[in-house]
Amino acid sequence: MKNILVYCGSSFGQNEIYKSTAKNLGKLLAQQSLRLIYGGGSGGLMGVVADAVLENGGEVTGIIPSFMEAWEVQHKGLTECIVVDSMHVRKQLMAERADAVIALPGGWGTLDELFEILTWRQIGLHKMPIGLLNTNGFYDDLIVMLNKMVTEGFVREANARFLIIDDNIDSLIEKLRNDSYEGELIGKRIDKA
């Protein structure tokens, strides 16, 4: 496991714990020589994680769609920044470069990315471990919903186990390592657009 794809908010959230957790994650990734792969933004938790990795001597690859450059949200100090044509290509390329995934608190985009990467694993497009960092109980209600999806027969229990949930950064990274995937994304051309 060398490259960690992080999904998280482009906002900071209302509680300072989200920002401090993002900073701690970035520091830990750098200390463990794990390269951050993320959406390339400079704001919110995205920027906090990237800055913390860089401040601690780590490497960061940001992947951002070209239309976002006009919004001036692109992080300018990354080790590597890749500009792509669309959100679809962005998500695909992030997944292709990753060995594992961690989702921090976030909004629509974070949930979109999390559920898409879970779906891709369910249908066999990759075998990466996927972690959910449940900081401050942020995802408690979502976890209840996920369990309901299993009990109501919409998600198989075996597939629900693809999501590794923890509220501690260190133990989540260790769980991802124990379920680590060293290989390429299966079926690299998910979309032709």
C-alpha atoms as a PDB file:
ATOM      1  CA  MET A   1       0.000   0.000   0.000  1.00  0.00           C
ATOM      2  CA  LYS A   2       1.697   3.161  -1.246  1.00  0.00           C
ATOM      3  CA  ASN A   3      -1.027   5.519  -2.499  1.00  0.00           C
ATOM      4  CA  ILE A   4      -4.073   6.548  -0.460  1.00  0.00           C
ATOM      5  CA  LEU A   5      -7.034   8.160  -2.179  1.00  0.00           C
ATOM      6  CA  VAL A   6      -8.814  10.527   0.207  1.00  0.00           C
ATOM      7  CA  TYR A   7     -12.346  11.790  -0.304  1.00  0.00           C
ATOM      8  CA  CYS A   8     -13.410  14.682   1.928  1.00  0.00           C
ATOM      9  CA  GLY A   9     -15.184  18.001   2.091  1.00  0.00           C
ATOM     10  CA  SER A  10     -14.195  21.135   0.234  1.00  0.00           C
ATOM     11  CA  SER A  11     -15.538  22.906   3.343  1.00  0.00           C
ATOM     12  CA  PHE A  12     -14.264  22.722   6.919  1.00  0.00           C
ATOM     13  CA  GLY A  13     -17.523  21.756   8.622  1.00  0.00           C
ATOM     14  CA  GLN A  14     -18.863  23.313  11.834  1.00  0.00           C
ATOM     15  CA  ASN A  15     -16.646  21.490  14.327  1.00  0.00           C
ATOM     16  CA  GLU A  16     -12.898  22.088  14.615  1.00  0.00           C
ATOM     17  CA  ILE A  17     -12.367  18.332  15.106  1.00  0.00           C
ATOM     18  CA  TYR A  18     -12.886  17.732  11.372  1.00  0.00           C
ATOM     19  CA  LYS A  19     -10.038  20.079  10.484  1.00  0.00           C
ATOM     20  CA  SER A  20      -7.697  18.680  13.142  1.00  0.00           C
ATOM     21  CA  THR A  21      -8.467  15.106  12.060  1.00  0.00           C
ATOM     22  CA  ALA A  22      -7.735  15.975   8.426  1.00  0.00           C
ATOM     23  CA  LYS A  23      -4.445  17.535   9.503  1.00  0.00           C
ATOM     24  CA  ASN A  24      -3.537  14.466  11.574  1.00  0.00           C
ATOM     25  CA  LEU A  25      -4.355  12.172   8.661  1.00  0.00           C
ATOM     26  CA  GLY A  26      -2.101  14.172   6.348  1.00  0.00           C
ATOM     27  CA  LYS A  27       0.735  14.075   8.867  1.00  0.00           C
ATOM     28  CA  LEU A  28       0.348  10.313   9.328  1.00  0.00           C
ATOM     29  CA  LEU A  29       0.329   9.676   5.575  1.00  0.00           C
ATOM     30  CA  ALA A  30       3.597  11.596   5.211  1.00  0.00           C
ATOM     31  CA  GLN A  31       5.184   9.859   8.192  1.00  0.00           C
ATOM     32  CA  GLN A  32       4.300   6.458   6.739  1.00  0.00           C
ATOM     33  CA  SER A  33       5.508   7.423   3.242  1.00  0.00           C
ATOM     34  CA  LEU A  34       2.004   7.050   1.838  1.00  0.00           C
ATOM     35  CA  ARG A  35       1.316   9.310  -1.138  1.00  0.00           C
ATOM     36  CA  LEU A  36      -1.948  11.261  -1.026  1.00  0.00           C
ATOM     37  CA  ILE A  37      -4.164  11.051  -4.099  1.00  0.00           C
ATOM     38  CA  TYR A  38      -7.078  13.506  -3.975  1.00  0.00           C
ATOM     39  CA  GLY A  39      -9.201  15.956  -5.939  1.00  0.00           C
ATOM     40  CA  GLY A  40      -6.594  18.722  -6.203  1.00  0.00           C
ATOM     41  CA  GLY A  41      -8.409  21.481  -4.316  1.00  0.00           C
ATOM     42  CA  SER A  42      -6.943  23.986  -1.884  1.00  0.00           C
ATOM     43  CA  GLY A  43     -10.025  24.642   0.246  1.00  0.00           C
ATOM     44  CA  GLY A  44     -11.718  22.914   3.128  1.00  0.00           C
ATOM     45  CA  LEU A  45     -10.631  19.548   4.451  1.00  0.00           C
ATOM     46  CA  MET A  46      -9.146  18.748   1.027  1.00  0.00           C
ATOM     47  CA  GLY A  47      -6.640  21.556   1.397  1.00  0.00           C
ATOM     48  CA  VAL A  48      -5.933  20.722   5.038  1.00  0.00           C
ATOM     49  CA  VAL A  49      -5.007  17.103   4.252  1.00  0.00           C
ATOM     50  CA  ALA A  50      -2.827  18.103   1.287  1.00  0.00           C
ATOM     51  CA  ASP A  51      -1.060  20.873   3.226  1.00  0.00           C
ATOM     52  CA  ALA A  52      -0.353  18.536   6.152  1.00  0.00           C
ATOM     53  CA  VAL A  53       1.155  15.890   3.869  1.00  0.00           C
ATOM     54  CA  LEU A  54       3.377  18.484   2.185  1.00  0.00           C
ATOM     55  CA  GLU A  55       4.378  20.187   5.471  1.00  0.00           C
ATOM     56  CA  ASN A  56       5.567  16.812   6.756  1.00  0.00           C
ATOM     57  CA  GLY A  57       7.673  15.979   3.702  1.00  0.00           C
ATOM     58  CA  GLY A  58       5.155  13.753   1.929  1.00  0.00           C
ATOM     59  CA  GLU A  59       4.008  13.621  -1.675  1.00  0.00           C
ATOM     60  CA  VAL A  60       0.629  14.658  -3.057  1.00  0.00           C
ATOM     61  CA  THR A  61      -1.023  14.046  -6.404  1.00  0.00           C
ATOM     62  CA  GLY A  62      -4.051  16.212  -7.125  1.00  0.00           C
ATOM     63  CA  ILE A  63      -6.411  15.453  -9.998  1.00  0.00           C
ATOM     64  CA  ILE A  64      -8.765  18.262 -10.949  1.00  0.00           C
ATOM     65  CA  PRO A  65     -11.136  18.874 -13.866  1.00  0.00           C
ATOM     66  CA  SER A  66     -10.249  21.829 -16.083  1.00  0.00           C
ATOM     67  CA  PHE A  67     -13.521  23.686 -15.453  1.00  0.00           C
ATOM     68  CA  MET A  68     -12.540  24.012 -11.763  1.00  0.00           C
ATOM     69  CA  GLU A  69      -9.361  25.899 -12.678  1.00  0.00           C
ATOM     70  CA  ALA A  70     -11.549  28.937 -13.421  1.00  0.00           C
ATOM     71  CA  TRP A  71     -12.887  28.757  -9.853  1.00  0.00           C
ATOM     72  CA  GLU A  72      -9.298  29.233  -8.593  1.00  0.00           C
ATOM     73  CA  VAL A  73      -9.619  26.317  -6.187  1.00  0.00           C
ATOM     74  CA  GLN A  74      -6.673  24.344  -7.550  1.00  0.00           C
ATOM     75  CA  HIS A  75      -3.896  23.772  -5.007  1.00  0.00           C
ATOM     76  CA  LYS A  76      -0.729  25.365  -6.412  1.00  0.00           C
ATOM     77  CA  GLY A  77       1.898  23.637  -4.242  1.00  0.00           C
ATOM     78  CA  LEU A  78       1.360  19.952  -5.015  1.00  0.00           C
ATOM     79  CA  THR A  79       4.026  17.417  -5.909  1.00  0.00           C
ATOM     80  CA  GLU A  80       1.969  16.581  -8.989  1.00  0.00           C
ATOM     81  CA  CYS A  81      -1.203  18.130 -10.386  1.00  0.00           C
ATOM     82  CA  ILE A  82      -3.097  16.516 -13.242  1.00  0.00           C
ATOM     83  CA  VAL A  83      -5.788  18.486 -15.066  1.00  0.00           C
ATOM     84  CA  VAL A  84      -8.440  16.356 -16.776  1.00  0.00           C
ATOM     85  CA  ASP A  85     -11.506  17.015 -18.937  1.00  0.00           C
ATOM     86  CA  SER A  86     -14.330  15.868 -16.661  1.00  0.00           C
ATOM     87  CA  MET A  87     -15.394  14.738 -13.209  1.00  0.00           C
ATOM     88  CA  HIS A  88     -15.765  11.198 -14.542  1.00  0.00           C
ATOM     89  CA  VAL A  89     -12.174  11.078 -15.770  1.00  0.00           C
ATOM     90  CA  ARG A  90     -11.020  12.640 -12.491  1.00  0.00           C
ATOM     91  CA  LYS A  91     -12.674   9.925 -10.396  1.00  0.00           C
ATOM     92  CA  GLN A  92     -11.438   7.163 -12.658  1.00  0.00           C
ATOM     93  CA  LEU A  93      -7.830   8.399 -12.671  1.00  0.00           C
ATOM     94  CA  MET A  94      -7.832   8.858  -8.888  1.00  0.00           C
ATOM     95  CA  ALA A  95      -8.984   5.252  -8.511  1.00  0.00           C
ATOM     96  CA  GLU A  96      -6.417   3.959 -11.014  1.00  0.00           C
ATOM     97  CA  ARG A  97      -3.580   5.559  -9.038  1.00  0.00           C
ATOM     98  CA  ALA A  98      -4.742   4.400  -5.593  1.00  0.00           C
ATOM     99  CA  ASP A  99      -4.069   1.321  -3.487  1.00  0.00           C
ATOM    100  CA  ALA A 100      -6.673   2.153  -0.825  1.00  0.00           C
ATOM    101  CA  VAL A 101      -9.391   4.721  -0.133  1.00  0.00           C
ATOM    102  CA  ILE A 102     -10.319   6.756   2.948  1.00  0.00           C
ATOM    103  CA  ALA A 103     -13.426   8.928   3.205  1.00  0.00           C
ATOM    104  CA  LEU A 104     -13.460  11.728   5.777  1.00  0.00           C
ATOM    105  CA  PRO A 105     -16.518  13.857   6.547  1.00  0.00           C
ATOM    106  CA  GLY A 106     -17.863  15.761   3.567  1.00  0.00           C
ATOM    107  CA  GLY A 107     -20.930  16.585   1.534  1.00  0.00           C
ATOM    108  CA  TRP A 108     -22.508  15.485  -1.738  1.00  0.00           C
ATOM    109  CA  GLY A 109     -19.215  15.008  -3.561  1.00  0.00           C
ATOM    110  CA  THR A 110     -17.712  12.884  -0.800  1.00  0.00           C
ATOM    111  CA  LEU A 111     -20.764  10.618  -0.673  1.00  0.00           C
ATOM    112  CA  ASP A 112     -20.885  10.409  -4.465  1.00  0.00           C
ATOM    113  CA  GLU A 113     -17.251   9.318  -4.619  1.00  0.00           C
ATOM    114  CA  LEU A 114     -17.596   6.904  -1.690  1.00  0.00           C
ATOM    115  CA  PHE A 115     -20.639   5.119  -3.084  1.00  0.00           C
ATOM    116  CA  GLU A 116     -19.216   5.009  -6.589  1.00  0.00           C
ATOM    117  CA  ILE A 117     -15.960   3.388  -5.413  1.00  0.00           C
ATOM    118  CA  LEU A 118     -17.983   0.910  -3.318  1.00  0.00           C
ATOM    119  CA  THR A 119     -20.133   0.099  -6.351  1.00  0.00           C
ATOM    120  CA  TRP A 120     -17.032  -0.380  -8.505  1.00  0.00           C
ATOM    121  CA  ARG A 121     -15.715  -2.876  -5.956  1.00  0.00           C
ATOM    122  CA  GLN A 122     -19.043  -4.686  -5.780  1.00  0.00           C
ATOM    123  CA  ILE A 123     -19.115  -5.189  -9.553  1.00  0.00           C
ATOM    124  CA  GLY A 124     -15.465  -6.255  -9.654  1.00  0.00           C
ATOM    125  CA  LEU A 125     -13.753  -3.215 -11.169  1.00  0.00           C
ATOM    126  CA  HIS A 126     -11.193  -3.116  -8.325  1.00  0.00           C
ATOM    127  CA  LYS A 127     -10.282  -4.832  -5.068  1.00  0.00           C
ATOM    128  CA  MET A 128      -8.990  -1.862  -3.066  1.00  0.00           C
ATOM    129  CA  PRO A 129      -9.808  -1.614   0.640  1.00  0.00           C
ATOM    130  CA  ILE A 130     -12.180   1.263   1.366  1.00  0.00           C
ATOM    131  CA  GLY A 131     -12.167   3.018   4.730  1.00  0.00           C
ATOM    132  CA  LEU A 132     -14.676   5.355   6.344  1.00  0.00           C
ATOM    133  CA  LEU A 133     -13.221   7.570   9.092  1.00  0.00           C
ATOM    134  CA  ASN A 134     -16.182   8.216  11.368  1.00  0.00           C
ATOM    135  CA  THR A 135     -14.836  11.341  13.050  1.00  0.00           C
ATOM    136  CA  ASN A 136     -17.019  12.653  15.872  1.00  0.00           C
ATOM    137  CA  GLY A 137     -19.768  10.195  14.904  1.00  0.00           C
ATOM    138  CA  PHE A 138     -20.280  12.107  11.643  1.00  0.00           C
ATOM    139  CA  TYR A 139     -21.327   8.978   9.749  1.00  0.00           C
ATOM    140  CA  ASP A 140     -23.387   7.311  12.523  1.00  0.00           C
ATOM    141  CA  ASP A 141     -26.711   7.878  10.743  1.00  0.00           C
ATOM    142  CA  LEU A 142     -25.264   6.718   7.432  1.00  0.00           C
ATOM    143  CA  ILE A 143     -24.052   3.520   9.113  1.00  0.00           C
ATOM    144  CA  VAL A 144     -27.600   2.916  10.371  1.00  0.00           C
ATOM    145  CA  MET A 145     -28.852   3.352   6.786  1.00  0.00           C
ATOM    146  CA  LEU A 146     -26.190   1.009   5.421  1.00  0.00           C
ATOM    147  CA  ASN A 147     -27.251  -1.648   7.927  1.00  0.00           C
ATOM    148  CA  LYS A 148     -30.885  -1.147   6.880  1.00  0.00           C
ATOM    149  CA  MET A 149     -29.877  -1.663   3.246  1.00  0.00           C
ATOM    150  CA  VAL A 150     -28.451  -5.044   4.302  1.00  0.00           C
ATOM    151  CA  THR A 151     -31.397  -6.104   6.472  1.00  0.00           C
ATOM    152  CA  GLU A 152     -33.881  -5.062   3.758  1.00  0.00           C
ATOM    153  CA  GLY A 153     -32.016  -7.112   1.156  1.00  0.00           C
ATOM    154  CA  PHE A 154     -30.646  -4.341  -1.074  1.00  0.00           C
ATOM    155  CA  VAL A 155     -26.969  -4.904  -0.193  1.00  0.00           C
ATOM    156  CA  ARG A 156     -25.472  -8.310   0.463  1.00  0.00           C
ATOM    157  CA  GLU A 157     -23.695  -8.599   3.813  1.00  0.00           C
ATOM    158  CA  ALA A 158     -20.500  -9.701   2.066  1.00  0.00           C
ATOM    159  CA  ASN A 159     -20.563  -6.515  -0.022  1.00  0.00           C
ATOM    160  CA  ALA A 160     -21.283  -4.337   3.019  1.00  0.00           C
ATOM    161  CA  ARG A 161     -18.014  -5.630   4.464  1.00  0.00           C
ATOM    162  CA  PHE A 162     -16.145  -3.790   1.689  1.00  0.00           C
ATOM    163  CA  LEU A 163     -16.502  -0.659   3.823  1.00  0.00           C
ATOM    164  CA  ILE A 164     -14.050  -0.636   6.733  1.00  0.00           C
ATOM    165  CA  ILE A 165     -15.332   1.750   9.407  1.00  0.00           C
ATOM    166  CA  ASP A 166     -13.296   3.191  12.273  1.00  0.00           C
ATOM    167  CA  ASP A 167     -13.143   6.413  14.282  1.00  0.00           C
ATOM    168  CA  ASN A 168      -9.368   6.232  14.786  1.00  0.00           C
ATOM    169  CA  ILE A 169      -6.897   7.133  12.028  1.00  0.00           C
ATOM    170  CA  ASP A 170      -4.121   4.769  13.113  1.00  0.00           C
ATOM    171  CA  SER A 171      -6.333   1.706  13.435  1.00  0.00           C
ATOM    172  CA  LEU A 172      -8.132   2.494  10.167  1.00  0.00           C
ATOM    173  CA  ILE A 173      -4.805   2.647   8.286  1.00  0.00           C
ATOM    174  CA  GLU A 174      -3.798  -0.656   9.880  1.00  0.00           C
ATOM    175  CA  LYS A 175      -7.096  -2.278   8.873  1.00  0.00           C
ATOM    176  CA  LEU A 176      -6.598  -1.019   5.302  1.00  0.00           C
ATOM    177  CA  ARG A 177      -3.083  -2.494   5.270  1.00  0.00           C
ATOM    178  CA  ASN A 178      -4.430  -5.870   6.382  1.00  0.00           C
ATOM    179  CA  ASP A 179      -6.893  -5.770   3.483  1.00  0.00           C
ATOM    180  CA  SER A 180      -4.432  -4.097   1.110  1.00  0.00           C
ATOM    181  CA  TYR A 181      -4.622  -4.403  -2.643  1.00  0.00           C
ATOM    182  CA  GLU A 182      -1.501  -4.083  -4.764  1.00  0.00           C
ATOM    183  CA  GLY A 183      -2.601  -3.975  -8.364  1.00  0.00           C
ATOM    184  CA  GLU A 184      -4.312  -2.132 -11.152  1.00  0.00           C
ATOM    185  CA  LEU A 185      -7.908  -1.087 -11.444  1.00  0.00           C
ATOM    186  CA  ILE A 186      -9.754  -3.835 -13.281  1.00  0.00           C
ATOM    187  CA  GLY A 187     -11.323  -2.663 -16.539  1.00  0.00           C
ATOM    188  CA  LYS A 188      -9.575   0.690 -16.707  1.00  0.00           C
ATOM    189  CA  ARG A 189     -12.003   2.289 -19.187  1.00  0.00           C
ATOM    190  CA  ILE A 190     -15.067   2.562 -16.994  1.00  0.00           C
ATOM    191  CA  ASP A 191     -16.498   5.314 -19.155  1.00  0.00           C
ATOM    192  CA  LYS A 192     -15.583   6.283 -22.692  1.00  0.00           C
ATOM    193  CA  ALA A 193     -16.470   9.980 -22.275  1.00  0.00           C
END
